[in-house]
Amino acid sequence: MGVVTAFDPVAEHARTRAALEGAIARLVETADGIDEWEAPSGLPVWSVGDVGAHLAAVYLAYRSAVTGDGGVDWDGLLAGGEGSFGERIAAVNALSVGLIAGEERERLGAILAERGAAFLRDSEGLAPETPVPAPWYGPGRTVPLSAATGLVLSETLVHGLDIARGARRPWTIAPAEASLVIGQAMVTMMPLAVDAEKAKGVRIAFDLVLKGGPRLAVDVADGAASVTRDPGPRAYDCRIVASPTAFLLVSFGRLPIWKAIALGRMRAGGPRPWLASRLSRLITAP
């Protein structure tokens, strides 16, 4: 448990791109078999078409951010740039579902294919550490391209599941795919997504061990969080051992934590194992 592992950021970014290309192909195949886009999805509020429209907006936003030709006044769009991380994401999500509507939703499979391919094409050859503007997370905010690619992969995998559930079609998220999301995206996103109010006065060190994947030290302290990938030996309050897929689904609210535990896909240990359930309350999914 105390062994420090190393990873090659360039090689892992390449694997993330390959996983994203494969996930987009699966998504498009699923979308092409859908006749009723207004059917309820795996999300309680959105239809299958709403999820598809949102995902198409995600692809467009990140592709535009990479190329710099978006031309969107995000601060104006998001109430002058005010609002917490969660409020900004909620506002963007609400806007995204209306960008493709009516008969245009019948082309969602083609739109997703075009926009997903455009992101991969226009980000090809860029270094993993290339900063990508992400103003929807906060004024002037950027994330590394590696994290942006991991985020687009997470959106494809999780919303692909939402669409498939609504369309009653199969969808799987492989542990290797989930590991890439966690290693590439969550290291950057967890500190941004911490709930400052809930984390105020809290000091907890989590040891997050993903089976066959990365290991993360997540430190929540006084309203903020920091994440270290593959840390050396140190003390923790709580250890969480989980399959990567289960952790991804619990993090995004697609799998109840009690069910992950009951299925043997997640367990807690360490000096204060009861703190495990607080992680998802302190750090919310985007």
Protein backbone atom coordinates (compact mmCIF):
# COMPACT_ATOMS: atom_id res chain seq x y z
CA MET A 1 0.00 0.00 0.00
CA GLY A 2 2.93 2.36 0.52
CA VAL A 3 4.62 1.77 -2.83
CA VAL A 4 5.04 4.87 -4.97
CA THR A 5 4.08 4.25 -8.58
CA ALA A 6 5.12 6.39 -11.51
CA PHE A 7 3.17 7.21 -14.63
CA ASP A 8 4.07 8.64 -18.01
CA PRO A 9 1.80 11.68 -18.58
CA VAL A 10 2.30 11.63 -22.35
CA ALA A 11 1.51 7.92 -22.67
CA GLU A 12 -1.50 8.19 -20.36
CA HIS A 13 -2.84 11.17 -22.28
CA ALA A 14 -2.52 9.14 -25.49
CA ARG A 15 -4.45 6.28 -23.87
CA THR A 16 -7.14 8.73 -22.76
CA ARG A 17 -7.50 10.05 -26.30
CA ALA A 18 -7.80 6.49 -27.63
CA ALA A 19 -10.40 5.64 -24.97
CA LEU A 20 -12.36 8.77 -25.84
CA GLU A 21 -12.34 7.91 -29.55
CA GLY A 22 -13.67 4.45 -28.74
CA ALA A 23 -16.30 5.77 -26.33
CA ILE A 24 -17.56 8.31 -28.90
CA ALA A 25 -17.91 5.52 -31.49
CA ARG A 26 -19.97 3.48 -29.00
CA LEU A 27 -22.06 6.52 -28.14
CA VAL A 28 -22.82 7.25 -31.79
CA GLU A 29 -23.76 3.61 -32.40
CA THR A 30 -26.13 3.80 -29.43
CA ALA A 31 -27.58 7.14 -30.59
CA ASP A 32 -28.18 5.85 -34.12
CA GLY A 33 -30.51 3.20 -32.74
CA ILE A 34 -32.74 5.67 -30.84
CA ASP A 35 -36.17 6.50 -32.28
CA GLU A 36 -37.63 8.47 -29.37
CA TRP A 37 -35.33 11.22 -28.13
CA GLU A 38 -37.92 12.67 -25.77
CA ALA A 39 -38.10 9.47 -23.72
CA PRO A 40 -36.95 9.79 -20.08
CA SER A 41 -33.23 9.26 -19.62
CA GLY A 42 -31.28 7.80 -16.74
CA LEU A 43 -31.43 11.28 -15.17
CA PRO A 44 -34.60 12.33 -13.34
CA VAL A 45 -35.09 15.68 -15.13
CA TRP A 46 -33.62 15.31 -18.61
CA SER A 47 -34.93 13.36 -21.58
CA VAL A 48 -32.62 11.22 -23.70
CA GLY A 49 -32.48 14.13 -26.17
CA ASP A 50 -31.63 16.58 -23.40
CA VAL A 51 -28.63 14.43 -22.43
CA GLY A 52 -27.54 14.18 -26.06
CA ALA A 53 -27.86 17.94 -26.57
CA HIS A 54 -25.86 18.59 -23.41
CA LEU A 55 -23.11 16.23 -24.52
CA ALA A 56 -22.97 17.86 -27.95
CA ALA A 57 -22.55 21.22 -26.19
CA VAL A 58 -19.70 19.79 -24.09
CA TYR A 59 -17.85 18.64 -27.21
CA LEU A 60 -18.37 22.02 -28.87
CA ALA A 61 -17.27 24.00 -25.78
CA TYR A 62 -14.03 22.08 -25.29
CA ARG A 63 -13.21 22.05 -29.00
CA SER A 64 -13.75 25.83 -29.12
CA ALA A 65 -11.65 26.29 -25.99
CA VAL A 66 -8.78 24.33 -27.55
CA THR A 67 -8.87 26.27 -30.81
CA GLY A 68 -9.67 29.65 -29.27
CA ASP A 69 -12.46 30.39 -31.74
CA GLY A 70 -15.42 30.00 -29.40
CA GLY A 71 -16.43 33.63 -29.25
CA VAL A 72 -18.70 33.06 -26.23
CA ASP A 73 -18.97 35.73 -23.53
CA TRP A 74 -19.04 33.29 -20.64
CA ASP A 75 -19.02 35.91 -17.91
CA GLY A 76 -21.95 37.68 -19.53
CA LEU A 77 -23.73 34.40 -20.07
CA LEU A 78 -23.19 33.39 -16.45
CA ALA A 79 -24.52 36.43 -14.61
CA GLY A 80 -21.43 38.59 -14.87
CA GLY A 81 -19.09 35.85 -13.73
CA GLU A 82 -20.60 35.57 -10.26
CA GLY A 83 -21.59 32.35 -8.56
CA SER A 84 -19.98 29.32 -7.04
CA PHE A 85 -18.52 26.42 -9.01
CA GLY A 86 -21.73 24.43 -8.60
CA GLU A 87 -23.96 27.36 -9.56
CA ARG A 88 -21.97 28.06 -12.72
CA ILE A 89 -22.08 24.39 -13.78
CA ALA A 90 -25.83 24.24 -13.12
CA ALA A 91 -26.35 27.36 -15.25
CA VAL A 92 -24.28 25.99 -18.14
CA ASN A 93 -26.04 22.63 -17.96
CA ALA A 94 -29.45 24.29 -18.06
CA LEU A 95 -28.45 26.33 -21.12
CA SER A 96 -26.89 23.40 -22.95
CA VAL A 97 -30.01 21.25 -23.25
CA GLY A 98 -31.80 23.91 -25.32
CA LEU A 99 -29.07 24.36 -27.93
CA ILE A 100 -30.33 21.43 -30.00
CA ALA A 101 -34.09 21.03 -30.06
CA GLY A 102 -37.02 19.89 -32.15
CA GLU A 103 -36.36 18.03 -35.37
CA GLU A 104 -32.64 18.74 -35.08
CA ARG A 105 -32.46 16.14 -32.31
CA GLU A 106 -33.08 13.47 -34.92
CA ARG A 107 -29.53 14.23 -36.11
CA LEU A 108 -27.95 13.95 -32.67
CA GLY A 109 -25.97 10.86 -33.59
CA ALA A 110 -24.32 12.68 -36.51
CA ILE A 111 -23.81 15.85 -34.46
CA LEU A 112 -22.13 13.94 -31.64
CA ALA A 113 -19.88 12.15 -34.14
CA GLU A 114 -18.88 15.42 -35.84
CA ARG A 115 -18.22 17.37 -32.65
CA GLY A 116 -16.45 14.55 -30.85
CA ALA A 117 -14.16 14.02 -33.83
CA ALA A 118 -13.53 17.78 -34.04
CA PHE A 119 -12.31 17.92 -30.43
CA LEU A 120 -9.93 15.02 -31.00
CA ARG A 121 -8.70 16.42 -34.30
CA ASP A 122 -8.10 19.95 -33.05
CA SER A 123 -6.37 18.83 -29.84
CA GLU A 124 -4.14 16.31 -31.60
CA GLY A 125 -0.41 16.89 -31.14
CA LEU A 126 -0.81 19.33 -28.23
CA ALA A 127 1.15 18.60 -25.04
CA PRO A 128 -0.88 17.21 -22.11
CA GLU A 129 0.02 20.26 -19.99
CA THR A 130 -1.31 22.75 -22.59
CA PRO A 131 -3.66 25.14 -20.74
CA VAL A 132 -7.25 25.04 -21.98
CA PRO A 133 -9.61 27.91 -21.06
CA ALA A 134 -12.55 26.67 -18.98
CA PRO A 135 -14.47 29.84 -17.99
CA TRP A 136 -17.56 27.82 -17.08
CA TYR A 137 -15.61 26.70 -13.99
CA GLY A 138 -14.74 30.27 -12.97
CA PRO A 139 -13.51 33.58 -14.45
CA GLY A 140 -10.10 33.12 -16.05
CA ARG A 141 -10.01 29.43 -15.17
CA THR A 142 -7.90 27.04 -17.24
CA VAL A 143 -7.30 23.31 -16.99
CA PRO A 144 -4.52 21.23 -18.57
CA LEU A 145 -5.42 19.52 -21.84
CA SER A 146 -4.94 16.16 -20.10
CA ALA A 147 -7.69 17.08 -17.62
CA ALA A 148 -9.92 18.49 -20.37
CA THR A 149 -9.59 15.25 -22.35
CA GLY A 150 -10.31 13.22 -19.21
CA LEU A 151 -13.36 15.37 -18.54
CA VAL A 152 -14.71 14.89 -22.05
CA LEU A 153 -14.16 11.14 -21.59
CA SER A 154 -16.05 11.21 -18.29
CA GLU A 155 -18.96 13.10 -19.87
CA THR A 156 -19.08 10.59 -22.72
CA LEU A 157 -19.00 7.55 -20.43
CA VAL A 158 -21.43 8.80 -17.78
CA HIS A 159 -23.91 10.48 -20.12
CA GLY A 160 -23.60 7.54 -22.51
CA LEU A 161 -24.90 5.48 -19.60
CA ASP A 162 -27.75 7.96 -19.06
CA ILE A 163 -28.74 7.77 -22.72
CA ALA A 164 -28.45 3.98 -22.82
CA ARG A 165 -30.57 3.57 -19.69
CA GLY A 166 -33.30 5.74 -21.20
CA ALA A 167 -33.12 3.94 -24.54
CA ARG A 168 -32.93 0.51 -22.83
CA ARG A 169 -29.70 -0.28 -24.61
CA PRO A 170 -26.51 -1.83 -23.18
CA TRP A 171 -23.66 0.35 -21.97
CA THR A 172 -20.53 -0.57 -20.07
CA ILE A 173 -17.75 1.46 -18.50
CA ALA A 174 -14.54 -0.55 -18.35
CA PRO A 175 -12.28 -0.20 -15.29
CA ALA A 176 -9.44 0.99 -17.56
CA GLU A 177 -11.65 3.80 -18.91
CA ALA A 178 -12.71 4.87 -15.42
CA SER A 179 -9.08 4.79 -14.23
CA LEU A 180 -8.12 7.22 -16.99
CA VAL A 181 -10.89 9.63 -15.96
CA ILE A 182 -9.80 9.49 -12.32
CA GLY A 183 -6.11 9.89 -13.05
CA GLN A 184 -6.43 12.53 -15.75
CA ALA A 185 -9.45 14.60 -14.70
CA MET A 186 -10.23 14.12 -11.02
CA VAL A 187 -6.81 15.22 -9.78
CA THR A 188 -7.57 18.64 -11.29
CA MET A 189 -11.32 18.76 -10.71
CA MET A 190 -11.70 17.60 -7.11
CA PRO A 191 -10.05 20.74 -5.66
CA LEU A 192 -12.29 22.92 -7.87
CA ALA A 193 -15.43 21.05 -6.87
CA VAL A 194 -14.98 21.19 -3.09
CA ASP A 195 -17.97 22.67 -1.27
CA ALA A 196 -16.25 25.45 0.68
CA GLU A 197 -19.12 25.87 3.13
CA LYS A 198 -19.38 22.19 3.99
CA ALA A 199 -15.59 21.91 4.18
CA LYS A 200 -15.17 24.90 6.45
CA GLY A 201 -13.34 23.84 9.62
CA VAL A 202 -12.96 20.27 8.32
CA ARG A 203 -9.58 18.51 8.26
CA ILE A 204 -9.65 15.00 6.78
CA ALA A 205 -6.99 13.11 4.83
CA PHE A 206 -8.40 10.43 2.51
CA ASP A 207 -6.34 7.65 0.99
CA LEU A 208 -8.12 6.75 -2.24
CA VAL A 209 -6.93 3.44 -3.67
CA LEU A 210 -8.33 2.46 -7.07
CA LYS A 211 -7.86 -1.21 -7.92
CA GLY A 212 -5.57 -1.43 -10.92
CA GLY A 213 -5.60 2.36 -11.22
CA PRO A 214 -4.04 5.43 -9.65
CA ARG A 215 -3.83 6.17 -5.94
CA LEU A 216 -4.85 9.62 -4.72
CA ALA A 217 -4.20 11.46 -1.47
CA VAL A 218 -7.16 13.79 -0.97
CA ASP A 219 -6.66 16.38 1.76
CA VAL A 220 -9.63 18.50 2.82
CA ALA A 221 -8.65 21.36 5.08
CA ASP A 222 -10.49 24.53 6.10
CA GLY A 223 -12.73 24.92 3.07
CA ALA A 224 -10.28 23.74 0.42
CA ALA A 225 -8.98 20.47 -0.99
CA SER A 226 -5.74 19.28 -2.55
CA VAL A 227 -5.12 16.05 -4.46
CA THR A 228 -1.77 14.30 -4.89
CA ARG A 229 -1.40 11.45 -7.31
CA ASP A 230 0.52 8.33 -6.27
CA PRO A 231 1.91 9.78 -3.01
CA GLY A 232 4.57 8.21 -0.83
CA PRO A 233 3.87 6.68 2.59
CA ARG A 234 2.03 8.99 4.99
CA ALA A 235 -0.77 9.06 7.56
CA TYR A 236 -4.47 9.18 6.65
CA ASP A 237 -7.74 9.41 8.52
CA CYS A 238 -9.68 7.19 6.13
CA ARG A 239 -8.80 4.76 3.34
CA ILE A 240 -11.24 4.08 0.51
CA VAL A 241 -10.53 1.06 -1.70
CA ALA A 242 -12.75 0.84 -4.77
CA SER A 243 -13.02 -0.45 -8.29
CA PRO A 244 -12.47 2.51 -10.66
CA THR A 245 -15.86 2.08 -12.32
CA ALA A 246 -17.71 2.00 -9.02
CA PHE A 247 -15.89 5.08 -7.75
CA LEU A 248 -16.66 6.97 -10.97
CA LEU A 249 -20.36 6.09 -10.79
CA VAL A 250 -20.63 6.92 -7.08
CA SER A 251 -18.83 10.23 -7.67
CA PHE A 252 -21.31 11.20 -10.39
CA GLY A 253 -24.35 10.01 -8.45
CA ARG A 254 -25.14 7.09 -10.77
CA LEU A 255 -24.54 4.40 -8.15
CA PRO A 256 -25.54 4.70 -4.47
CA ILE A 257 -22.55 4.24 -2.19
CA TRP A 258 -24.42 1.63 -0.13
CA LYS A 259 -24.95 -0.46 -3.26
CA ALA A 260 -21.27 -0.20 -4.23
CA ILE A 261 -20.36 -1.44 -0.75
CA ALA A 262 -22.97 -4.22 -0.83
CA LEU A 263 -21.64 -5.41 -4.19
CA GLY A 264 -18.10 -5.51 -2.82
CA ARG A 265 -16.91 -2.77 -5.16
CA MET A 266 -16.01 -0.28 -2.45
CA ARG A 267 -14.87 -0.54 1.16
CA ALA A 268 -13.54 1.80 3.80
CA GLY A 269 -10.73 1.34 6.30
CA GLY A 270 -8.10 3.25 8.20
CA PRO A 271 -8.38 4.83 11.66
CA ARG A 272 -11.75 6.52 10.90
CA PRO A 273 -13.51 4.51 8.18
CA TRP A 274 -16.89 6.11 8.89
CA LEU A 275 -15.62 9.30 7.24
CA ALA A 276 -15.72 7.69 3.77
CA SER A 277 -19.28 8.82 3.08
CA ARG A 278 -18.28 12.45 3.68
CA LEU A 279 -16.02 12.58 0.64
CA SER A 280 -18.90 12.75 -1.85
CA ARG A 281 -20.61 15.43 0.27
CA LEU A 282 -17.50 17.58 0.56
CA ILE A 283 -16.54 17.30 -3.11
CA THR A 284 -19.46 17.38 -5.51
CA ALA A 285 -19.53 16.14 -9.09
CA PRO A 286 -19.58 18.79 -11.84
